[in-house]
């Protein structure tokens, strides 16, 4: 049918060259027949003569949107709503999707307008809910996502996002049923068209690297066909580090010392902030450590990519991955010949435009290599760098400053609440029950999460006041308070990687449970690198057994603490001059691959 229609319209255009109605209809037939490039040429030919032709604008916008060329589609959608403010909900929704992807602040307004036109659209409800989650407006997002799920229970991403919201508030109602449903949905990925799941949220509930790969691949951007970066190797080697932000945040805090130590005679380093940034002391340190720190947060994909490519970057590190405010579309456009997944996301990104992931043999055993789309760039010891120059703020705080009893055994667990799962919390409560005068010291959480955690403790027979919550404080004060605890309890399957690093640096022993995935093994790698392998459990039962021994045999725990404090700075984890040399050797090996 399409072939005959195409021939008919092409014949008519010979009689009426450039006729807009014929070109638009021909474009529709080309699109139907699977020739989107020819359809696009038809629509653009119409718009060259009639820039506000609504049918051509709409067809072109939807064509580009369907190909996920969202940055190109956005200005077309902008023209549509300027020409036709009464455009249907689908147009406003798709415009919002494009705006969200290119970090346009108008996305929320577009989604809300679409919702006013079509209040029972599960797609629009979900899109607005996802955006509000990114903005951490969780209370506003939840009813939208719940409504979307009630209208269309099949949407996996909605179910996963709602489970993540539950965990943010420590709401464990029917947790096992919800987790099982999300995992089953990920197992089916690939057979159900259009389904996806937020990979970062999935790390918290599943330790299966094969399923984590599926989740990452479902979320990854398709490659953007752009001018390939030149492969010419120049010396010193130009190395870029791109992150959502370079202010006081866990990822910049662990890489700043590395950036300061890289040999400037061999490497020119550039930093790219892909989101909004804050001019604080950490940003100033990073700015001094690199040749250039560029703010690309307000730039579109093409501009940001052009800036990185224009700097001649040969090796580009993505320090964000599939986390909040990520801009995978920049990496999908291939601004550098070698692109690397590093530090920000503990797992594969599932995308062909990442060449390597930096890891180590403990974090990623050889048996798990098949679950990565990236090649493994292994660093001896632990792959995570550290800031050897960080220092706690004096004078040191006291237990009384935080309401901690002087004679209590203080278990410290300062992970984000979404990493605390019921099974691990059960163990923590049994430890409190079996340890006289013990306390569990958690980080500051939202009031609802605090109420829920204390309620869960009460249901397990533990008085609510035995759970204490540390306030949000400046980094130096936060580091100092680790000295007040006796033992850090890590989470599973998503460990508290940078918090574990801070605890060990402060001399506080950490107990962890090593699973299969990067997220479940990075803490174990750090413990191995400070020679505390006896604090690495391989099952929940062993985790509890080790914890009880440490509580009951205080001299054993004190010996481990003394050993950690005495040897930490010379360890593979905290000897940053040695780490930097290993990192530089890795860069040199990658440069050699470029030369071939």
Foldseek 3Di string as FASTA:
>chain_A
DLVVLLVVLVVVCVVVPLDLVSLQVNLVSCVVVPNNVSSLVSLVSNCVVVVLPQSSLVVNLVSCVVVVVLLVSLVSLVSNCVSPVVDALVSLQSNLVSCVLQVNPCSLVSLVVSCVRPVQALSSLQSNLVVVVLVVVLVVSQVSLVSSCVSPVVALQSLLVNLLSCLLQVNCVVVVVSLVVSLVVLVCQPVDPPHAYQLQSNLLRDDDLQSSLSRLQSPADAFDDDDAFDLDADPLAEEEEEEQEQDPDLLNQQCLQLLQPFDPRNYAYEYENQADYDPDPRVVSNCVSHPYYYYCNNPGLVVVLCVLLVVVHAEYEYQAASDRPDNNNNLSHHSHPAYEYENNGFGANNYQSHAEYEFACQLAPPVSQVSHNHHYLHFPQGRTGHDLPAAADPPFDACVVQPQDPPEQEEEEADRSSNADPVLLLLVLVLPVVFPRYAYEYEDGPPSSLVSSLVVSVVSVHHSVSYGYDYDDPPNNVLRCLVHHLEYEFGPPATPQSVLVSNLSSLHHYAAAAEHTSRNRNSCSLCVQLPNNVRYHPDPVVSSVSSVCCSVVVVVSVVSSVSSVVRVCVTPHNVNVVSSVSVVVSVVVVSVVSVD
